[in-house]
C-alpha cells in the first residue's frame, strides 16, 4: 500500500504513521483523512504490531485543514467564480465532513493503542486528529487548540468535552485559545509534556512498554474504556458537531470571514479573528421571539 500524504513504517511491535506534508506544516489535504484510516487498518491487520504512533514530519504535527486556497477563492458575491459550484447543500457538506470525522476516529476505534506525538502545532483540524488518539504526548512548548471555534468552524470529533469535561471544554471553545503542552498537561488534556529534544525518546519508551502487553489484553482494556465514552452519547455529539461545522462556515459571521479572506488574504483574516477584538460586529441580526 502506497500513500501520498503520509508514510508508514514498522519496527518490532511498533507502527509509526507520519503525516508527510512538512512544507505545509502537514496541513490536511484532500485524501489525507482516508489515508490515516487506511494506515490504521494496515497496522491493525499486522499481527506483529501492538501499538501505533502518529506524528508529523518536520517541525509541526498538523496545522489543520489546508484552507488558504479555498478561503481566498472569489465567491459569486465577490464577482468571481463560486467556490462551491452552486448553492450550499448542508447534507453534502455533512456527508463530506462526517466521512473525515470517521476517518480520524479510526485512531480511537483502532484495536491497538494509538499515541499522538506532537511537536510544533496541533491546531484546528490537527487538534482533531491528535485528540482522536488514545494518548497524546506533547513537546512542552508545542501548542494545541481550535481557533476556528471563534468563527468558521466547530471541531467535528468534539473530543474536547470527553477529555476535559464540560467547563474546561467550554473555556477552550469559547475562546479558541492555543495552549502549550505544559498547560495542556496541567489541564488534563494530554498524558505528558516533555522538552522537545526528549519527545521521541519519551514516546518510544511509552509505546514500547505498552507493546509488551498482549494484543488481546490491550484490545479488551481499550474497548471497555471506549465503551464508557460511547455510552455518554459520543455518536450523537459528533453528528451535531459536524452539522454545526458546516453551518458555522455559512453563518453571517462565517460569510464575513470568507469575504475578509478574499479581500485581505487568509492569514490576515485569521489574525483579525484571533486578535480578541469583536468579530464581525453588526453583521448578525438580533434574535426575535415569536
C-alpha atoms as a PDB file:
ATOM      1  CA  UNK A   1       0.000   0.000   0.000  1.00  0.00           C
ATOM      2  CA  UNK A   2       1.424   3.360  -1.034  1.00  0.00           C
ATOM      3  CA  UNK A   3       0.423   6.702   0.454  1.00  0.00           C
ATOM      4  CA  UNK A   4       0.521  10.232  -0.949  1.00  0.00           C
ATOM      5  CA  UNK A   5       0.189  12.281   2.233  1.00  0.00           C
ATOM      6  CA  UNK A   6       1.839  10.129   4.893  1.00  0.00           C
ATOM      7  CA  UNK A   7       4.422   7.444   5.467  1.00  0.00           C
ATOM      8  CA  UNK A   8       4.012   4.126   7.266  1.00  0.00           C
ATOM      9  CA  UNK A   9       6.803   2.209   8.966  1.00  0.00           C
ATOM     10  CA  UNK A  10       7.096  -0.655  11.424  1.00  0.00           C
ATOM     11  CA  UNK A  11       9.864  -1.603  13.805  1.00  0.00           C
ATOM     12  CA  UNK A  12       9.380  -4.539  16.107  1.00  0.00           C
ATOM     13  CA  UNK A  13       5.963  -4.236  17.744  1.00  0.00           C
ATOM     14  CA  UNK A  14       5.513  -0.546  16.837  1.00  0.00           C
ATOM     15  CA  UNK A  15       3.942   1.034  13.750  1.00  0.00           C
ATOM     16  CA  UNK A  16       4.614   4.715  13.019  1.00  0.00           C
ATOM     17  CA  UNK A  17       2.308   6.806  10.837  1.00  0.00           C
ATOM     18  CA  UNK A  18       3.878  10.139   9.843  1.00  0.00           C
ATOM     19  CA  UNK A  19       1.838  12.923   8.246  1.00  0.00           C
ATOM     20  CA  UNK A  20       4.132  13.945   5.427  1.00  0.00           C
ATOM     21  CA  UNK A  21       3.447  17.440   4.088  1.00  0.00           C
ATOM     22  CA  UNK A  22       6.156  19.312   6.010  1.00  0.00           C
ATOM     23  CA  UNK A  23       6.218  22.187   3.512  1.00  0.00           C
ATOM     24  CA  UNK A  24       2.588  22.900   4.545  1.00  0.00           C
ATOM     25  CA  UNK A  25       3.101  22.023   8.236  1.00  0.00           C
ATOM     26  CA  UNK A  26       1.301  18.748   7.462  1.00  0.00           C
ATOM     27  CA  UNK A  27      -1.967  20.576   6.790  1.00  0.00           C
ATOM     28  CA  UNK A  28      -4.863  18.266   5.943  1.00  0.00           C
ATOM     29  CA  UNK A  29      -5.235  17.812   2.196  1.00  0.00           C
ATOM     30  CA  UNK A  30      -7.989  16.017   0.309  1.00  0.00           C
ATOM     31  CA  UNK A  31      -7.397  12.299   0.765  1.00  0.00           C
ATOM     32  CA  UNK A  32      -5.306  12.550   3.942  1.00  0.00           C
ATOM     33  CA  UNK A  33      -8.102  11.536   6.341  1.00  0.00           C
ATOM     34  CA  UNK A  34      -8.780   8.410   4.281  1.00  0.00           C
ATOM     35  CA  UNK A  35      -5.080   7.577   4.217  1.00  0.00           C
ATOM     36  CA  UNK A  36      -4.924   7.863   8.017  1.00  0.00           C
ATOM     37  CA  UNK A  37      -7.735   5.317   8.271  1.00  0.00           C
ATOM     38  CA  UNK A  38      -6.069   3.008   5.754  1.00  0.00           C
ATOM     39  CA  UNK A  39      -2.762   3.182   7.633  1.00  0.00           C
ATOM     40  CA  UNK A  40      -4.508   2.395  10.935  1.00  0.00           C
ATOM     41  CA  UNK A  41      -6.233  -0.565   9.289  1.00  0.00           C
ATOM     42  CA  UNK A  42      -2.876  -1.727   7.938  1.00  0.00           C
ATOM     43  CA  UNK A  43      -1.415  -1.673  11.452  1.00  0.00           C
ATOM     44  CA  UNK A  44      -4.439  -3.482  12.846  1.00  0.00           C
ATOM     45  CA  UNK A  45      -4.069  -6.200  10.207  1.00  0.00           C
ATOM     46  CA  UNK A  46      -0.373  -6.711  11.071  1.00  0.00           C
ATOM     47  CA  UNK A  47      -0.153  -9.414  13.722  1.00  0.00           C
ATOM     48  CA  UNK A  48       3.294  -8.167  14.796  1.00  0.00           C
ATOM     49  CA  UNK A  49       2.124  -4.649  15.667  1.00  0.00           C
ATOM     50  CA  UNK A  50       0.937  -3.945  19.222  1.00  0.00           C
ATOM     51  CA  UNK A  51       0.965  -0.113  19.319  1.00  0.00           C
ATOM     52  CA  UNK A  52       0.665   2.757  16.799  1.00  0.00           C
ATOM     53  CA  UNK A  53       2.485   6.114  16.950  1.00  0.00           C
ATOM     54  CA  UNK A  54       1.102   9.026  14.926  1.00  0.00           C
ATOM     55  CA  UNK A  55       3.330  12.049  14.286  1.00  0.00           C
ATOM     56  CA  UNK A  56       4.122  14.743  11.732  1.00  0.00           C
ATOM     57  CA  UNK A  57       7.173  15.263   9.546  1.00  0.00           C
ATOM     58  CA  UNK A  58       9.287  18.338  10.142  1.00  0.00           C
ATOM     59  CA  UNK A  59       8.595  20.974  12.776  1.00  0.00           C
ATOM     60  CA  UNK A  60       4.843  20.561  13.253  1.00  0.00           C
ATOM     61  CA  UNK A  61       2.299  17.822  13.956  1.00  0.00           C
ATOM     62  CA  UNK A  62      -0.523  19.306  11.865  1.00  0.00           C
ATOM     63  CA  UNK A  63      -1.637  22.892  11.194  1.00  0.00           C
ATOM     64  CA  UNK A  64      -5.244  21.962  10.435  1.00  0.00           C
ATOM     65  CA  UNK A  65      -7.099  21.853   7.133  1.00  0.00           C
ATOM     66  CA  UNK A  66      -5.253  23.371   4.185  1.00  0.00           C
ATOM     67  CA  UNK A  67      -7.814  26.109   3.554  1.00  0.00           C
ATOM     68  CA  UNK A  68      -5.795  29.010   2.163  1.00  0.00           C
ATOM     69  CA  UNK A  69      -6.733  28.435  -1.482  1.00  0.00           C
ATOM     70  CA  UNK A  70     -10.390  27.739  -0.685  1.00  0.00           C
ATOM     71  CA  UNK A  71     -10.730  30.726   1.658  1.00  0.00           C
ATOM     72  CA  UNK A  72      -9.145  33.174  -0.787  1.00  0.00           C
ATOM     73  CA  UNK A  73     -11.009  31.952  -3.875  1.00  0.00           C
ATOM     74  CA  UNK A  74     -13.513  34.553  -5.041  1.00  0.00           C
ATOM     75  CA  UNK A  75     -17.180  33.668  -4.499  1.00  0.00           C
ATOM     76  CA  UNK A  76     -20.105  34.843  -6.629  1.00  0.00           C
ATOM     77  CA  UNK A  77     -20.835  37.557  -4.103  1.00  0.00           C
ATOM     78  CA  UNK A  78     -17.393  38.966  -4.816  1.00  0.00           C
ATOM     79  CA  UNK A  79     -17.802  38.855  -8.577  1.00  0.00           C
ATOM     80  CA  UNK A  80     -15.718  35.698  -9.036  1.00  0.00           C
ATOM     81  CA  UNK A  81     -16.372  32.003  -9.519  1.00  0.00           C
ATOM     82  CA  UNK A  82     -18.490  30.237  -6.904  1.00  0.00           C
ATOM     83  CA  UNK A  83     -16.065  28.175  -4.833  1.00  0.00           C
ATOM     84  CA  UNK A  84     -18.847  25.677  -4.062  1.00  0.00           C
ATOM     85  CA  UNK A  85     -20.060  25.442  -7.687  1.00  0.00           C
ATOM     86  CA  UNK A  86     -23.656  26.137  -6.663  1.00  0.00           C
ATOM     87  CA  UNK A  87     -25.799  26.707  -3.573  1.00  0.00           C
ATOM     88  CA  UNK A  88     -24.556  25.255  -0.316  1.00  0.00           C
ATOM     89  CA  UNK A  89     -26.127  21.877   0.417  1.00  0.00           C
ATOM     90  CA  UNK A  90     -25.824  21.216   4.172  1.00  0.00           C
ATOM     91  CA  UNK A  91     -26.209  17.458   3.749  1.00  0.00           C
ATOM     92  CA  UNK A  92     -23.476  17.236   1.114  1.00  0.00           C
ATOM     93  CA  UNK A  93     -21.261  19.260   3.473  1.00  0.00           C
ATOM     94  CA  UNK A  94     -22.235  16.994   6.380  1.00  0.00           C
ATOM     95  CA  UNK A  95     -21.512  13.806   4.426  1.00  0.00           C
ATOM     96  CA  UNK A  96     -18.044  15.029   3.447  1.00  0.00           C
ATOM     97  CA  UNK A  97     -17.042  16.216   6.911  1.00  0.00           C
ATOM     98  CA  UNK A  98     -18.621  13.248   8.688  1.00  0.00           C
ATOM     99  CA  UNK A  99     -16.542  10.945   6.497  1.00  0.00           C
ATOM    100  CA  UNK A 100     -13.416  12.830   7.598  1.00  0.00           C
ATOM    101  CA  UNK A 101     -14.546  12.613  11.224  1.00  0.00           C
ATOM    102  CA  UNK A 102     -14.960   8.854  10.993  1.00  0.00           C
ATOM    103  CA  UNK A 103     -11.571   8.545   9.279  1.00  0.00           C
ATOM    104  CA  UNK A 104      -9.962  10.431  12.201  1.00  0.00           C
ATOM    105  CA  UNK A 105     -11.921   8.272  14.649  1.00  0.00           C
ATOM    106  CA  UNK A 106     -10.243   5.172  13.233  1.00  0.00           C
ATOM    107  CA  UNK A 107      -7.451   6.134  15.643  1.00  0.00           C
ATOM    108  CA  UNK A 108      -9.920   5.988  18.541  1.00  0.00           C
ATOM    109  CA  UNK A 109     -11.569   2.758  17.384  1.00  0.00           C
ATOM    110  CA  UNK A 110      -8.332   1.006  16.421  1.00  0.00           C
ATOM    111  CA  UNK A 111      -7.994  -2.351  18.187  1.00  0.00           C
ATOM    112  CA  UNK A 112      -4.443  -1.322  19.035  1.00  0.00           C
ATOM    113  CA  UNK A 113      -3.469   1.657  21.209  1.00  0.00           C
ATOM    114  CA  UNK A 114      -2.617   4.894  19.406  1.00  0.00           C
ATOM    115  CA  UNK A 115      -0.277   7.633  20.633  1.00  0.00           C
ATOM    116  CA  UNK A 116      -0.056  11.124  19.107  1.00  0.00           C
ATOM    117  CA  UNK A 117       3.461  12.585  19.268  1.00  0.00           C
ATOM    118  CA  UNK A 118       3.013  16.360  18.961  1.00  0.00           C
ATOM    119  CA  UNK A 119       5.686  18.955  18.279  1.00  0.00           C
ATOM    120  CA  UNK A 120       5.123  22.439  16.901  1.00  0.00           C
ATOM    121  CA  UNK A 121       1.375  22.752  16.444  1.00  0.00           C
ATOM    122  CA  UNK A 122      -1.752  20.612  16.625  1.00  0.00           C
ATOM    123  CA  UNK A 123      -4.172  23.328  15.538  1.00  0.00           C
ATOM    124  CA  UNK A 124      -7.814  23.224  14.403  1.00  0.00           C
ATOM    125  CA  UNK A 125      -8.194  20.004  12.378  1.00  0.00           C
ATOM    126  CA  UNK A 126      -4.751  18.994  13.625  1.00  0.00           C
ATOM    127  CA  UNK A 127      -6.093  19.006  17.176  1.00  0.00           C
ATOM    128  CA  UNK A 128      -9.000  16.849  15.963  1.00  0.00           C
ATOM    129  CA  UNK A 129      -6.535  14.228  14.750  1.00  0.00           C
ATOM    130  CA  UNK A 130      -4.394  14.299  17.887  1.00  0.00           C
ATOM    131  CA  UNK A 131      -7.350  14.112  20.277  1.00  0.00           C
ATOM    132  CA  UNK A 132      -8.767  11.072  18.465  1.00  0.00           C
ATOM    133  CA  UNK A 133      -5.714   9.121  19.616  1.00  0.00           C
ATOM    134  CA  UNK A 134      -5.806   7.214  22.902  1.00  0.00           C
ATOM    135  CA  UNK A 135      -2.861   9.110  24.347  1.00  0.00           C
ATOM    136  CA  UNK A 136      -1.309  12.466  23.438  1.00  0.00           C
ATOM    137  CA  UNK A 137       2.288  13.353  24.302  1.00  0.00           C
ATOM    138  CA  UNK A 138       3.375  16.913  23.509  1.00  0.00           C
ATOM    139  CA  UNK A 139       6.580  18.858  23.491  1.00  0.00           C
ATOM    140  CA  UNK A 140       6.174  21.248  26.404  1.00  0.00           C
ATOM    141  CA  UNK A 141       6.424  24.255  24.061  1.00  0.00           C
ATOM    142  CA  UNK A 142       4.119  22.818  21.373  1.00  0.00           C
ATOM    143  CA  UNK A 143       0.697  24.407  21.032  1.00  0.00           C
ATOM    144  CA  UNK A 144      -2.762  22.921  20.700  1.00  0.00           C
ATOM    145  CA  UNK A 145      -6.196  24.467  20.257  1.00  0.00           C
ATOM    146  CA  UNK A 146      -9.126  25.108  17.945  1.00  0.00           C
ATOM    147  CA  UNK A 147      -9.097  28.797  16.846  1.00  0.00           C
ATOM    148  CA  UNK A 148     -11.929  28.332  14.284  1.00  0.00           C
ATOM    149  CA  UNK A 149     -14.311  27.929  17.232  1.00  0.00           C
ATOM    150  CA  UNK A 150     -14.210  31.766  17.281  1.00  0.00           C
ATOM    151  CA  UNK A 151     -15.774  31.802  13.824  1.00  0.00           C
ATOM    152  CA  UNK A 152     -15.889  29.500  10.753  1.00  0.00           C
ATOM    153  CA  UNK A 153     -15.705  26.113  12.422  1.00  0.00           C
ATOM    154  CA  UNK A 154     -16.715  23.521  15.014  1.00  0.00           C
ATOM    155  CA  UNK A 155     -14.414  20.592  15.937  1.00  0.00           C
ATOM    156  CA  UNK A 156     -16.297  17.695  14.366  1.00  0.00           C
ATOM    157  CA  UNK A 157     -14.954  14.841  16.571  1.00  0.00           C
ATOM    158  CA  UNK A 158     -15.667  17.073  19.628  1.00  0.00           C
ATOM    159  CA  UNK A 159     -13.244  15.119  21.806  1.00  0.00           C
ATOM    160  CA  UNK A 160     -12.603  18.232  23.913  1.00  0.00           C
ATOM    161  CA  UNK A 161     -15.594  17.640  26.175  1.00  0.00           C
ATOM    162  CA  UNK A 162     -14.775  13.965  26.749  1.00  0.00           C
ATOM    163  CA  UNK A 163     -11.152  14.714  27.606  1.00  0.00           C
ATOM    164  CA  UNK A 164     -11.660  17.880  29.656  1.00  0.00           C
ATOM    165  CA  UNK A 165     -15.213  17.854  30.972  1.00  0.00           C
ATOM    166  CA  UNK A 166     -17.829  20.466  30.174  1.00  0.00           C
ATOM    167  CA  UNK A 167     -16.378  23.564  31.856  1.00  0.00           C
ATOM    168  CA  UNK A 168     -12.823  23.308  30.573  1.00  0.00           C
ATOM    169  CA  UNK A 169     -14.042  22.312  27.118  1.00  0.00           C
ATOM    170  CA  UNK A 170     -16.191  25.458  27.079  1.00  0.00           C
ATOM    171  CA  UNK A 171     -13.208  27.529  28.191  1.00  0.00           C
ATOM    172  CA  UNK A 172     -11.197  26.278  25.199  1.00  0.00           C
ATOM    173  CA  UNK A 173     -14.006  26.506  22.637  1.00  0.00           C
ATOM    174  CA  UNK A 174     -15.444  29.852  23.754  1.00  0.00           C
ATOM    175  CA  UNK A 175     -12.010  31.467  23.276  1.00  0.00           C
ATOM    176  CA  UNK A 176     -10.314  29.397  20.567  1.00  0.00           C
ATOM    177  CA  UNK A 177      -7.079  29.869  22.522  1.00  0.00           C
ATOM    178  CA  UNK A 178      -3.924  27.901  21.826  1.00  0.00           C
ATOM    179  CA  UNK A 179      -2.269  26.412  24.902  1.00  0.00           C
ATOM    180  CA  UNK A 180       1.205  24.953  25.362  1.00  0.00           C
ATOM    181  CA  UNK A 181       1.997  21.348  26.117  1.00  0.00           C
ATOM    182  CA  UNK A 182       2.668  22.321  29.738  1.00  0.00           C
ATOM    183  CA  UNK A 183      -0.735  23.988  30.005  1.00  0.00           C
ATOM    184  CA  UNK A 184      -2.441  21.067  28.280  1.00  0.00           C
ATOM    185  CA  UNK A 185      -0.879  18.667  30.788  1.00  0.00           C
ATOM    186  CA  UNK A 186      -1.990  20.782  33.742  1.00  0.00           C
ATOM    187  CA  UNK A 187      -5.499  20.882  32.287  1.00  0.00           C
ATOM    188  CA  UNK A 188      -5.588  17.103  31.871  1.00  0.00           C
ATOM    189  CA  UNK A 189      -5.869  17.237  28.092  1.00  0.00           C
ATOM    190  CA  UNK A 190      -2.722  15.209  27.373  1.00  0.00           C
ATOM    191  CA  UNK A 191      -0.765  12.389  29.003  1.00  0.00           C
ATOM    192  CA  UNK A 192       2.632  14.075  29.129  1.00  0.00           C
ATOM    193  CA  UNK A 193       4.555  17.200  28.121  1.00  0.00           C
ATOM    194  CA  UNK A 194       8.322  16.927  27.818  1.00  0.00           C
ATOM    195  CA  UNK A 195      11.143  19.074  26.416  1.00  0.00           C
ATOM    196  CA  UNK A 196      11.140  18.821  22.631  1.00  0.00           C
ATOM    197  CA  UNK A 197      14.564  17.098  22.416  1.00  0.00           C
ATOM    198  CA  UNK A 198      13.209  14.325  24.666  1.00  0.00           C
ATOM    199  CA  UNK A 199       9.886  13.902  22.859  1.00  0.00           C
ATOM    200  CA  UNK A 200      10.783  10.995  20.589  1.00  0.00           C
ATOM    201  CA  UNK A 201      12.585   9.062  23.315  1.00  0.00           C
ATOM    202  CA  UNK A 202       9.667   9.505  25.707  1.00  0.00           C
ATOM    203  CA  UNK A 203       7.052   8.376  23.172  1.00  0.00           C
ATOM    204  CA  UNK A 204       9.061   5.355  22.045  1.00  0.00           C
ATOM    205  CA  UNK A 205       9.612   4.301  25.663  1.00  0.00           C
ATOM    206  CA  UNK A 206       5.890   4.600  26.402  1.00  0.00           C
ATOM    207  CA  UNK A 207       4.887   2.782  23.218  1.00  0.00           C
ATOM    208  CA  UNK A 208       7.467   0.044  23.875  1.00  0.00           C
ATOM    209  CA  UNK A 209       6.128  -0.550  27.387  1.00  0.00           C
ATOM    210  CA  UNK A 210       2.564  -0.725  26.047  1.00  0.00           C
ATOM    211  CA  UNK A 211       3.620  -3.061  23.247  1.00  0.00           C
ATOM    212  CA  UNK A 212       4.916  -5.622  25.737  1.00  0.00           C
ATOM    213  CA  UNK A 213       1.294  -6.323  26.714  1.00  0.00           C
ATOM    214  CA  UNK A 214      -0.584  -8.999  24.705  1.00  0.00           C
ATOM    215  CA  UNK A 215      -2.728  -7.587  21.891  1.00  0.00           C
ATOM    216  CA  UNK A 216      -5.890  -9.214  23.222  1.00  0.00           C
ATOM    217  CA  UNK A 217      -5.390  -7.643  26.649  1.00  0.00           C
ATOM    218  CA  UNK A 218      -4.792  -4.201  25.118  1.00  0.00           C
ATOM    219  CA  UNK A 219      -7.902  -4.584  22.984  1.00  0.00           C
ATOM    220  CA  UNK A 220     -10.076  -5.540  25.962  1.00  0.00           C
ATOM    221  CA  UNK A 221      -8.845  -2.605  28.043  1.00  0.00           C
ATOM    222  CA  UNK A 222      -9.381  -0.179  25.184  1.00  0.00           C
ATOM    223  CA  UNK A 223     -12.863  -1.465  24.333  1.00  0.00           C
ATOM    224  CA  UNK A 224     -14.139  -1.210  27.886  1.00  0.00           C
ATOM    225  CA  UNK A 225     -12.814   2.344  28.366  1.00  0.00           C
ATOM    226  CA  UNK A 226     -14.067   3.464  24.945  1.00  0.00           C
ATOM    227  CA  UNK A 227     -17.493   1.979  25.627  1.00  0.00           C
ATOM    228  CA  UNK A 228     -17.891   4.176  28.674  1.00  0.00           C
ATOM    229  CA  UNK A 229     -17.334   7.240  26.481  1.00  0.00           C
ATOM    230  CA  UNK A 230     -19.517   5.931  23.658  1.00  0.00           C
ATOM    231  CA  UNK A 231     -22.370   5.438  26.147  1.00  0.00           C
ATOM    232  CA  UNK A 232     -22.226   9.148  27.027  1.00  0.00           C
ATOM    233  CA  UNK A 233     -23.543   9.949  23.552  1.00  0.00           C
ATOM    234  CA  UNK A 234     -20.350  10.382  21.519  1.00  0.00           C
ATOM    235  CA  UNK A 235     -22.023   9.455  18.210  1.00  0.00           C
ATOM    236  CA  UNK A 236     -24.829  11.989  18.694  1.00  0.00           C
ATOM    237  CA  UNK A 237     -22.360  14.674  19.785  1.00  0.00           C
ATOM    238  CA  UNK A 238     -20.275  14.153  16.639  1.00  0.00           C
ATOM    239  CA  UNK A 239     -23.359  14.251  14.420  1.00  0.00           C
ATOM    240  CA  UNK A 240     -24.390  17.640  15.825  1.00  0.00           C
ATOM    241  CA  UNK A 241     -20.821  18.989  15.803  1.00  0.00           C
ATOM    242  CA  UNK A 242     -20.304  18.005  12.167  1.00  0.00           C
ATOM    243  CA  UNK A 243     -23.593  19.575  11.080  1.00  0.00           C
ATOM    244  CA  UNK A 244     -22.837  22.746  13.055  1.00  0.00           C
ATOM    245  CA  UNK A 245     -19.381  22.926  11.457  1.00  0.00           C
ATOM    246  CA  UNK A 246     -20.988  23.448   8.062  1.00  0.00           C
ATOM    247  CA  UNK A 247     -23.455  25.962   9.470  1.00  0.00           C
ATOM    248  CA  UNK A 248     -20.600  27.894  11.120  1.00  0.00           C
ATOM    249  CA  UNK A 249     -18.954  28.346   7.730  1.00  0.00           C
ATOM    250  CA  UNK A 250     -22.201  29.740   6.298  1.00  0.00           C
ATOM    251  CA  UNK A 251     -23.459  31.888   9.173  1.00  0.00           C
ATOM    252  CA  UNK A 252     -23.408  35.680   8.663  1.00  0.00           C
ATOM    253  CA  UNK A 253     -20.088  35.815  10.548  1.00  0.00           C
ATOM    254  CA  UNK A 254     -18.767  32.830   8.596  1.00  0.00           C
ATOM    255  CA  UNK A 255     -19.552  34.605   5.322  1.00  0.00           C
ATOM    256  CA  UNK A 256     -17.864  37.744   6.696  1.00  0.00           C
ATOM    257  CA  UNK A 257     -14.718  35.724   7.475  1.00  0.00           C
ATOM    258  CA  UNK A 258     -14.677  34.230   3.976  1.00  0.00           C
ATOM    259  CA  UNK A 259     -15.033  37.699   2.447  1.00  0.00           C
ATOM    260  CA  UNK A 260     -12.186  39.036   4.609  1.00  0.00           C
ATOM    261  CA  UNK A 261     -10.005  36.161   3.417  1.00  0.00           C
ATOM    262  CA  UNK A 262     -10.843  37.005  -0.203  1.00  0.00           C
ATOM    263  CA  UNK A 263     -10.116  40.705   0.323  1.00  0.00           C
ATOM    264  CA  UNK A 264      -7.157  40.622   2.719  1.00  0.00           C
ATOM    265  CA  UNK A 265      -5.811  37.077   2.460  1.00  0.00           C
ATOM    266  CA  UNK A 266      -6.387  34.116   4.744  1.00  0.00           C
ATOM    267  CA  UNK A 267      -3.582  34.941   7.180  1.00  0.00           C
ATOM    268  CA  UNK A 268      -4.889  38.458   7.757  1.00  0.00           C
ATOM    269  CA  UNK A 269      -8.459  37.181   8.216  1.00  0.00           C
ATOM    270  CA  UNK A 270      -7.196  34.699  10.806  1.00  0.00           C
ATOM    271  CA  UNK A 271      -5.208  37.438  12.561  1.00  0.00           C
ATOM    272  CA  UNK A 272      -8.311  39.616  12.789  1.00  0.00           C
ATOM    273  CA  UNK A 273     -10.432  36.721  14.024  1.00  0.00           C
ATOM    274  CA  UNK A 274      -7.961  35.740  16.730  1.00  0.00           C
ATOM    275  CA  UNK A 275      -6.988  39.258  17.827  1.00  0.00           C
ATOM    276  CA  UNK A 276      -9.524  39.468  20.633  1.00  0.00           C
ATOM    277  CA  UNK A 277     -11.398  42.354  19.016  1.00  0.00           C
ATOM    278  CA  UNK A 278     -15.161  41.892  18.415  1.00  0.00           C
ATOM    279  CA  UNK A 279     -15.723  39.634  15.403  1.00  0.00           C
ATOM    280  CA  UNK A 280     -17.932  40.858  12.542  1.00  0.00           C
ATOM    281  CA  UNK A 281     -19.615  43.421  14.757  1.00  0.00           C
ATOM    282  CA  UNK A 282     -23.024  44.394  13.441  1.00  0.00           C
ATOM    283  CA  UNK A 283     -23.216  41.557  10.903  1.00  0.00           C
ATOM    284  CA  UNK A 284     -25.785  39.417  12.756  1.00  0.00           C
ATOM    285  CA  UNK A 285     -29.416  40.317  13.099  1.00  0.00           C
ATOM    286  CA  UNK A 286     -30.884  40.143  16.625  1.00  0.00           C
ATOM    287  CA  UNK A 287     -32.798  37.058  17.691  1.00  0.00           C
ATOM    288  CA  UNK A 288     -36.541  37.524  17.691  1.00  0.00           C
ATOM    289  CA  UNK A 289     -39.125  35.923  19.971  1.00  0.00           C
ATOM    290  CA  UNK A 290     -42.371  34.929  18.297  1.00  0.00           C
END
